[in-house]
Amino acid sequence: MNWADDDDVFPDWSLGVRLETFTDELGWVAGYSKDWLPDGSRRLWECPAPPGYHAASATW
């Protein structure tokens, strides 16, 4: 599952990074997105956890 709201723009490689980290283990995958601001500019949102797979019990 991935989520986004109406001002998010995902870089071309963003969903692919998540897909490459899928395993059959329970966990979650961190990544980045961009917020599309009313003036047309974009601001990168960086997850505090590094991109990639994290075990279900991992906290950051």
N, C-alpha and C. Protein backbone atom coordinates (compact mmCIF):
# COMPACT_ATOMS: atom_id res chain seq x y z
N MET A 1 0.85 -1.16 0.00
CA MET A 1 0.00 0.00 0.00
C MET A 1 0.90 1.23 0.00
N ASN A 2 0.50 2.21 -0.72
CA ASN A 2 1.18 3.49 -0.71
C ASN A 2 0.10 4.56 -0.56
N TRP A 3 0.44 5.68 -0.02
CA TRP A 3 -0.56 6.73 0.13
C TRP A 3 0.00 8.06 -0.34
N ALA A 4 -0.90 8.92 -0.70
CA ALA A 4 -0.53 10.27 -1.14
C ALA A 4 -1.78 11.13 -1.01
N ASP A 5 -1.55 12.42 -0.85
CA ASP A 5 -2.68 13.34 -0.90
C ASP A 5 -2.57 14.17 -2.17
N ASP A 6 -3.46 15.13 -2.34
CA ASP A 6 -3.58 15.83 -3.62
C ASP A 6 -2.42 16.75 -3.97
N ASP A 7 -1.49 16.99 -3.04
CA ASP A 7 -0.36 17.86 -3.39
C ASP A 7 0.96 17.08 -3.50
N ASP A 8 0.91 15.75 -3.50
CA ASP A 8 2.12 14.94 -3.59
C ASP A 8 2.46 14.59 -5.03
N VAL A 9 3.73 14.67 -5.35
CA VAL A 9 4.24 14.27 -6.65
C VAL A 9 5.39 13.30 -6.38
N PHE A 10 5.33 12.12 -6.95
CA PHE A 10 6.37 11.12 -6.73
C PHE A 10 7.38 11.16 -7.86
N PRO A 11 8.68 11.21 -7.54
CA PRO A 11 9.69 11.11 -8.59
C PRO A 11 9.52 9.78 -9.35
N ASP A 12 9.97 9.74 -10.58
CA ASP A 12 9.80 8.54 -11.41
C ASP A 12 10.33 7.28 -10.73
N TRP A 13 11.42 7.40 -10.00
CA TRP A 13 12.06 6.23 -9.39
C TRP A 13 11.48 5.87 -8.02
N SER A 14 10.62 6.71 -7.45
CA SER A 14 10.17 6.55 -6.07
C SER A 14 9.43 5.24 -5.82
N LEU A 15 8.44 4.93 -6.64
CA LEU A 15 7.68 3.70 -6.42
C LEU A 15 8.51 2.46 -6.74
N GLY A 16 9.42 2.58 -7.70
CA GLY A 16 10.30 1.46 -8.03
C GLY A 16 11.20 1.08 -6.87
N VAL A 17 11.69 2.07 -6.13
CA VAL A 17 12.51 1.79 -4.94
C VAL A 17 11.72 0.98 -3.94
N ARG A 18 10.47 1.33 -3.75
CA ARG A 18 9.63 0.57 -2.82
C ARG A 18 9.40 -0.84 -3.33
N LEU A 19 9.11 -0.98 -4.61
CA LEU A 19 8.83 -2.28 -5.18
C LEU A 19 10.04 -3.22 -5.06
N GLU A 20 11.24 -2.68 -5.28
CA GLU A 20 12.45 -3.50 -5.20
C GLU A 20 12.71 -4.02 -3.80
N THR A 21 12.15 -3.40 -2.78
CA THR A 21 12.42 -3.82 -1.41
C THR A 21 11.36 -4.75 -0.85
N PHE A 22 10.34 -5.06 -1.61
CA PHE A 22 9.30 -5.97 -1.11
C PHE A 22 9.90 -7.33 -0.76
N THR A 23 9.45 -7.86 0.34
CA THR A 23 9.82 -9.21 0.75
C THR A 23 8.55 -9.89 1.22
N ASP A 24 8.66 -11.14 1.62
CA ASP A 24 7.49 -11.82 2.18
C ASP A 24 7.43 -11.63 3.70
N GLU A 25 8.29 -10.76 4.23
CA GLU A 25 8.29 -10.46 5.66
C GLU A 25 7.42 -9.24 5.94
N LEU A 26 6.85 -9.22 7.13
CA LEU A 26 6.07 -8.06 7.56
C LEU A 26 7.01 -6.90 7.81
N GLY A 27 6.67 -5.74 7.34
CA GLY A 27 7.52 -4.58 7.54
C GLY A 27 6.96 -3.39 6.79
N TRP A 28 7.78 -2.40 6.63
CA TRP A 28 7.37 -1.20 5.89
C TRP A 28 8.56 -0.64 5.13
N VAL A 29 8.25 0.17 4.11
CA VAL A 29 9.28 0.72 3.24
C VAL A 29 9.17 2.23 3.27
N ALA A 30 10.29 2.89 3.55
CA ALA A 30 10.33 4.35 3.57
C ALA A 30 10.74 4.87 2.21
N GLY A 31 10.30 6.07 1.88
CA GLY A 31 10.68 6.69 0.62
C GLY A 31 10.47 8.20 0.71
N TYR A 32 10.55 8.86 -0.41
CA TYR A 32 10.40 10.30 -0.49
C TYR A 32 9.20 10.64 -1.36
N SER A 33 8.68 11.84 -1.17
CA SER A 33 7.66 12.38 -2.08
C SER A 33 7.87 13.89 -2.15
N LYS A 34 7.22 14.51 -3.12
CA LYS A 34 7.29 15.97 -3.24
C LYS A 34 5.90 16.53 -3.05
N ASP A 35 5.82 17.63 -2.30
CA ASP A 35 4.58 18.36 -2.15
C ASP A 35 4.51 19.40 -3.26
N TRP A 36 3.37 19.43 -3.93
CA TRP A 36 3.14 20.39 -5.00
C TRP A 36 2.45 21.59 -4.37
N LEU A 37 3.13 22.70 -4.29
CA LEU A 37 2.63 23.88 -3.58
C LEU A 37 1.74 24.74 -4.48
N PRO A 38 0.85 25.56 -3.88
CA PRO A 38 -0.09 26.37 -4.67
C PRO A 38 0.58 27.26 -5.71
N ASP A 39 1.82 27.71 -5.46
CA ASP A 39 2.48 28.58 -6.44
C ASP A 39 3.12 27.80 -7.59
N GLY A 40 2.93 26.47 -7.61
CA GLY A 40 3.46 25.63 -8.68
C GLY A 40 4.83 25.03 -8.37
N SER A 41 5.47 25.49 -7.31
CA SER A 41 6.76 24.92 -6.95
C SER A 41 6.56 23.59 -6.22
N ARG A 42 7.64 22.86 -6.05
CA ARG A 42 7.58 21.57 -5.37
C ARG A 42 8.61 21.55 -4.25
N ARG A 43 8.24 20.90 -3.16
CA ARG A 43 9.13 20.77 -2.00
C ARG A 43 9.30 19.28 -1.69
N LEU A 44 10.55 18.82 -1.63
CA LEU A 44 10.84 17.42 -1.34
C LEU A 44 10.59 17.12 0.13
N TRP A 45 9.80 16.08 0.38
CA TRP A 45 9.60 15.59 1.74
C TRP A 45 10.45 14.35 1.90
N GLU A 46 11.35 14.38 2.87
CA GLU A 46 12.22 13.24 3.13
C GLU A 46 11.78 12.57 4.42
N CYS A 47 11.47 11.29 4.33
CA CYS A 47 11.11 10.51 5.50
C CYS A 47 12.29 10.52 6.46
N PRO A 48 12.05 10.64 7.77
CA PRO A 48 13.16 10.62 8.71
C PRO A 48 13.92 9.29 8.71
N ALA A 49 13.26 8.23 8.33
CA ALA A 49 13.93 6.93 8.20
C ALA A 49 14.56 6.86 6.80
N PRO A 50 15.70 6.20 6.67
CA PRO A 50 16.31 6.10 5.34
C PRO A 50 15.42 5.29 4.38
N PRO A 51 15.46 5.58 3.07
CA PRO A 51 14.66 4.84 2.11
C PRO A 51 15.00 3.35 2.16
N GLY A 52 13.99 2.53 1.94
CA GLY A 52 14.19 1.09 1.90
C GLY A 52 13.34 0.35 2.92
N TYR A 53 13.55 -0.94 3.00
CA TYR A 53 12.76 -1.83 3.86
C TYR A 53 13.18 -1.67 5.32
N HIS A 54 12.17 -1.72 6.20
CA HIS A 54 12.40 -1.71 7.64
C HIS A 54 11.50 -2.77 8.29
N ALA A 55 12.05 -3.51 9.23
CA ALA A 55 11.28 -4.55 9.92
C ALA A 55 10.11 -3.92 10.67
N ALA A 56 9.11 -4.73 10.92
CA ALA A 56 7.90 -4.25 11.59
C ALA A 56 8.19 -3.63 12.95
N SER A 57 9.19 -4.11 13.63
CA SER A 57 9.48 -3.59 14.98
C SER A 57 10.46 -2.42 14.97
N ALA A 58 10.96 -2.06 13.81
CA ALA A 58 11.95 -0.98 13.72
C ALA A 58 11.31 0.37 13.99
N THR A 59 11.93 1.17 14.81
CA THR A 59 11.46 2.53 15.06
C THR A 59 12.59 3.50 14.80
N TRP A 60 12.23 4.72 14.41
CA TRP A 60 13.25 5.73 14.08
C TRP A 60 12.97 6.99 14.85
